[in-house]
Amino acid sequence: MKPSKFHLRCRYCFICAFLVLINKVFLQDTVEGFIGGSVVLPCSSDEHDVKLQDINVLWRDKGSETVYDIISGKDSVERQNPRYKNRAETFPEEYERRNFSIKLIDLTHADEGEFSCFITHSSDSKQETVRLFITDSAAVASTESPQQENHDLQLFSSCETQR
């Protein structure tokens, strides 16, 4: 029996939705760090026509705890989870370039997991997710880190996330 137009459209919609979901999963950044070390978790926006004071950036960990907030273009640690106090740093000189990456220092196994960066302003919002993997030593992490080192170098030369 020949499939109806409805069934063909449903199959097409399912395939398109599946491809979009796969694309979203593979666009997730992955960063590797080691116990006691530090990593840069990337987050940027290509919305250059929005004033910095109209942008809010909310960094959250896998448990939705506050890692760092940038409110109206200014750092805010009022709601920061104590676990991240003095361990999360931003790059304020990069905000004008719409680079809202953070540096997480003194890594522990508990830091492993997903971190989300939510960028909001009056006309739009965006979410980026970064997956952090932790290894026990720098020697293990450095065997796979040339891409991360390259990414860190590009961090300040471009505000667009490399994908």
Protein backbone atom coordinates (compact mmCIF):
# COMPACT_ATOMS: atom_id res chain seq x y z
CA MET A 1 0.00 0.00 0.00
CA LYS A 2 1.27 3.44 -0.94
CA PRO A 3 1.84 5.84 2.03
CA SER A 4 -0.53 8.81 2.16
CA LYS A 5 0.67 12.41 1.85
CA PHE A 6 -0.02 12.83 5.56
CA HIS A 7 2.28 9.92 6.46
CA LEU A 8 5.00 11.21 4.15
CA ARG A 9 4.77 14.68 5.73
CA CYS A 10 4.95 13.13 9.21
CA ARG A 11 8.05 11.16 8.23
CA TYR A 12 9.61 14.28 6.73
CA CYS A 13 8.84 16.33 9.87
CA PHE A 14 10.24 13.59 12.08
CA ILE A 15 13.45 13.38 10.04
CA CYS A 16 13.86 17.18 10.09
CA ALA A 17 13.26 17.33 13.84
CA PHE A 18 15.72 14.48 14.38
CA LEU A 19 18.40 16.23 12.30
CA VAL A 20 17.89 19.48 14.22
CA LEU A 21 18.24 17.65 17.54
CA ILE A 22 21.37 15.82 16.38
CA ASN A 23 22.83 19.11 15.17
CA LYS A 24 22.10 20.75 18.53
CA VAL A 25 23.79 17.92 20.44
CA PHE A 26 26.89 18.01 18.27
CA LEU A 27 27.14 21.81 18.54
CA GLN A 28 27.76 21.45 22.26
CA ASP A 29 31.27 22.51 23.24
CA THR A 30 33.44 20.09 25.17
CA VAL A 31 36.27 21.22 27.44
CA GLU A 32 38.71 19.02 29.34
CA GLY A 33 40.47 20.01 32.54
CA PHE A 34 42.38 18.33 35.34
CA ILE A 35 42.17 18.26 39.12
CA GLY A 36 43.57 21.50 40.52
CA GLY A 37 43.83 23.09 37.08
CA SER A 38 41.70 25.68 35.31
CA VAL A 39 39.63 25.87 32.12
CA VAL A 40 37.91 28.52 30.05
CA LEU A 41 34.23 27.79 29.39
CA PRO A 42 33.32 29.58 26.14
CA CYS A 43 30.25 31.75 25.64
CA SER A 44 29.75 34.54 23.13
CA SER A 45 27.10 36.41 21.21
CA ASP A 46 27.06 37.84 17.72
CA GLU A 47 24.48 40.49 18.68
CA HIS A 48 26.69 43.57 18.31
CA ASP A 49 23.82 46.01 17.74
CA VAL A 50 22.53 45.58 21.32
CA LYS A 51 23.96 47.85 23.99
CA LEU A 52 26.08 46.08 26.59
CA GLN A 53 23.96 47.53 29.42
CA ASP A 54 20.93 45.75 27.89
CA ILE A 55 22.57 42.30 28.07
CA ASN A 56 22.34 39.81 30.94
CA VAL A 57 24.47 36.66 31.02
CA LEU A 58 23.65 33.88 33.47
CA TRP A 59 26.09 31.00 33.95
CA ARG A 60 24.53 27.91 35.57
CA ASP A 61 25.94 24.49 36.42
CA LYS A 62 24.34 21.08 35.94
CA GLY A 63 22.27 21.58 39.09
CA SER A 64 21.07 25.03 37.99
CA GLU A 65 23.26 26.63 40.66
CA THR A 66 24.59 30.12 39.93
CA VAL A 67 28.19 30.02 38.75
CA TYR A 68 28.40 33.67 37.65
CA ASP A 69 26.10 36.46 36.50
CA ILE A 70 26.79 39.45 34.30
CA ILE A 71 23.89 41.87 34.73
CA SER A 72 23.59 44.90 32.46
CA GLY A 73 27.20 44.36 31.41
CA LYS A 74 28.55 44.30 34.99
CA ASP A 75 29.76 41.39 37.12
CA SER A 76 27.38 40.23 39.83
CA VAL A 77 28.23 37.56 42.39
CA GLU A 78 25.38 38.28 44.82
CA ARG A 79 23.59 35.01 44.00
CA GLN A 80 26.74 33.00 43.27
CA ASN A 81 26.83 29.54 44.80
CA PRO A 82 29.52 29.49 47.53
CA ARG A 83 31.14 26.53 45.74
CA TYR A 84 32.21 28.92 42.96
CA LYS A 85 33.28 31.84 45.14
CA ASN A 86 36.82 32.92 44.15
CA ARG A 87 36.88 30.10 41.57
CA ALA A 88 34.99 31.66 38.65
CA GLU A 89 36.46 34.61 36.78
CA THR A 90 35.28 36.58 33.78
CA PHE A 91 37.05 38.73 31.21
CA PRO A 92 35.37 42.18 31.51
CA GLU A 93 37.64 43.63 28.83
CA GLU A 94 36.02 41.18 26.40
CA TYR A 95 32.38 42.12 27.11
CA GLU A 96 32.34 44.80 24.39
CA ARG A 97 33.27 42.05 21.91
CA ARG A 98 30.33 40.02 23.30
CA ASN A 99 32.67 37.41 24.75
CA PHE A 100 31.19 36.25 28.07
CA SER A 101 33.42 33.23 28.66
CA ILE A 102 34.40 32.35 32.21
CA LYS A 103 37.49 30.78 33.68
CA LEU A 104 36.91 28.13 36.33
CA ILE A 105 39.94 27.54 38.56
CA ASP A 106 41.01 24.91 41.10
CA LEU A 107 38.96 22.19 39.40
CA THR A 108 37.59 19.19 41.29
CA HIS A 109 35.76 16.05 40.17
CA ALA A 110 32.54 17.71 41.38
CA ASP A 111 32.92 20.32 38.61
CA GLU A 112 32.51 17.74 35.86
CA GLY A 113 29.29 18.07 33.88
CA GLU A 114 27.31 20.57 31.87
CA PHE A 115 27.48 24.33 32.28
CA SER A 116 24.96 26.59 30.57
CA CYS A 117 25.41 30.18 29.52
CA PHE A 118 22.16 32.11 29.01
CA ILE A 119 22.48 35.41 27.15
CA THR A 120 19.35 37.55 27.29
CA HIS A 121 18.40 40.99 26.06
CA SER A 122 15.18 42.75 25.14
CA SER A 123 14.74 41.24 21.69
CA ASP A 124 16.25 37.75 21.94
CA SER A 125 17.85 35.11 24.11
CA LYS A 126 20.43 32.41 23.51
CA GLN A 127 21.71 29.40 25.41
CA GLU A 128 25.09 27.71 25.01
CA THR A 129 26.03 24.50 26.77
CA VAL A 130 29.57 23.41 27.59
CA ARG A 131 30.42 19.90 28.78
CA LEU A 132 33.37 19.80 31.19
CA PHE A 133 35.36 16.60 31.63
CA ILE A 134 37.84 16.28 34.50
CA THR A 135 40.91 14.03 34.51
CA ASP A 136 43.20 13.25 37.43
CA SER A 137 46.41 14.72 36.06
CA ALA A 138 47.69 17.38 33.68
CA ALA A 139 49.63 14.74 31.72
CA VAL A 140 46.40 12.95 30.76
CA ALA A 141 44.60 16.20 29.95
CA SER A 142 47.47 17.55 27.87
CA THR A 143 47.41 14.56 25.52
CA GLU A 144 44.08 15.81 24.19
CA SER A 145 44.40 19.53 24.76
CA PRO A 146 45.92 21.08 21.60
CA GLN A 147 42.40 21.88 20.40
CA GLN A 148 41.59 23.47 23.77
CA GLU A 149 44.84 25.48 23.72
CA ASN A 150 44.02 26.60 20.19
CA HIS A 151 40.50 27.53 21.31
CA ASP A 152 41.90 29.53 24.24
CA LEU A 153 44.15 31.46 21.85
CA GLN A 154 41.18 32.19 19.59
CA LEU A 155 39.10 33.28 22.57
CA PHE A 156 40.52 36.78 22.53
CA SER A 157 40.91 37.11 18.77
CA SER A 158 37.32 36.33 17.90
CA CYS A 159 34.04 36.75 19.73
CA GLU A 160 32.33 34.01 17.75
CA THR A 161 32.46 30.53 19.22
CA GLN A 162 34.33 28.10 16.97
CA ARG A 163 32.13 25.14 16.09
